[in-house]
Amino acid sequence: MQSLQGDTWVAQFSEIEGILGCRLPPAARRCAAWWSHEPTHFLVKAWLRAGWHVKDVDMPGRSVTFRRFPSHV
């Protein structure tokens, strides 16, 4: 994620799984709240450390829009 250009990234769940090399937890596919900024799991910590936050989750479209923190642009 750090190497991405621009300040917005729309990622399909399948794309995220490809980067991770494993499937997302079932809750990530069922509940938009899973994508919140509550740092209770390693994935939230990872994208926050990389300078990104979740701007929007499209559950029917199975995608997440990440936005880069201004200090990381």
Protein backbone atom coordinates (compact mmCIF):
# COMPACT_ATOMS: atom_id res chain seq x y z
CA MET A 1 0.00 0.00 0.00
CA GLN A 2 2.86 2.37 0.68
CA SER A 3 4.01 2.16 -2.92
CA LEU A 4 0.63 3.16 -4.37
CA GLN A 5 0.45 6.51 -6.12
CA GLY A 6 -2.30 9.00 -5.30
CA ASP A 7 -4.34 9.45 -2.20
CA THR A 8 -7.26 7.08 -2.89
CA TRP A 9 -7.30 3.35 -3.57
CA VAL A 10 -10.43 1.35 -4.32
CA ALA A 11 -9.62 -2.29 -3.68
CA GLN A 12 -11.75 -5.34 -4.32
CA PHE A 13 -11.83 -7.84 -1.46
CA SER A 14 -10.21 -10.36 -3.83
CA GLU A 15 -7.38 -7.91 -4.56
CA ILE A 16 -6.73 -7.47 -0.84
CA GLU A 17 -6.70 -11.25 -0.43
CA GLY A 18 -4.17 -11.49 -3.25
CA ILE A 19 -1.89 -9.03 -1.49
CA LEU A 20 -2.29 -10.85 1.81
CA GLY A 21 -1.92 -14.29 0.33
CA CYS A 22 -4.91 -15.52 2.33
CA ARG A 23 -8.67 -15.07 2.54
CA LEU A 24 -10.20 -12.27 4.54
CA PRO A 25 -12.01 -13.37 7.68
CA PRO A 26 -15.70 -14.21 7.07
CA ALA A 27 -16.73 -11.17 9.15
CA ALA A 28 -15.00 -8.88 6.63
CA ARG A 29 -17.43 -10.09 3.96
CA ARG A 30 -20.52 -9.88 6.19
CA CYS A 31 -20.14 -6.73 8.24
CA ALA A 32 -18.99 -3.25 7.18
CA ALA A 33 -18.11 -2.50 10.81
CA TRP A 34 -15.24 -5.00 10.52
CA TRP A 35 -13.49 -2.38 8.38
CA SER A 36 -13.69 0.27 11.12
CA HIS A 37 -10.62 1.88 12.58
CA GLU A 38 -10.84 -0.07 15.80
CA PRO A 39 -7.33 -1.51 15.94
CA THR A 40 -8.39 -4.90 17.27
CA HIS A 41 -6.92 -6.97 14.47
CA PHE A 42 -3.64 -6.97 12.61
CA LEU A 43 -5.09 -5.79 9.28
CA VAL A 44 -6.40 -2.50 10.70
CA LYS A 45 -3.04 -1.91 12.35
CA ALA A 46 -1.29 -2.66 9.06
CA TRP A 47 -3.17 -0.16 6.90
CA LEU A 48 -3.02 2.52 9.60
CA ARG A 49 0.77 2.05 9.92
CA ALA A 50 1.04 2.28 6.14
CA GLY A 51 -0.72 5.67 6.29
CA TRP A 52 -4.19 4.70 5.03
CA HIS A 53 -7.67 4.77 6.51
CA VAL A 54 -10.94 3.30 5.27
CA LYS A 55 -13.09 5.96 3.65
CA ASP A 56 -15.92 3.72 2.44
CA VAL A 57 -16.95 0.08 2.30
CA ASP A 58 -19.16 -1.22 -0.49
CA MET A 59 -20.41 -4.55 0.85
CA PRO A 60 -22.56 -5.47 -2.21
CA GLY A 61 -19.67 -4.52 -4.54
CA ARG A 62 -17.13 -6.24 -2.25
CA SER A 63 -14.75 -3.31 -2.27
CA VAL A 64 -13.11 -0.89 0.13
CA THR A 65 -12.02 2.66 -0.58
CA PHE A 66 -8.88 3.62 1.29
CA ARG A 67 -7.69 7.19 1.63
CA ARG A 68 -4.10 8.14 2.40
CA PHE A 69 -3.46 10.30 5.44
CA PRO A 70 -2.29 13.75 4.24
CA SER A 71 1.11 13.40 5.93
CA HIS A 72 1.87 10.31 3.80
CA VAL A 73 1.21 11.84 0.35
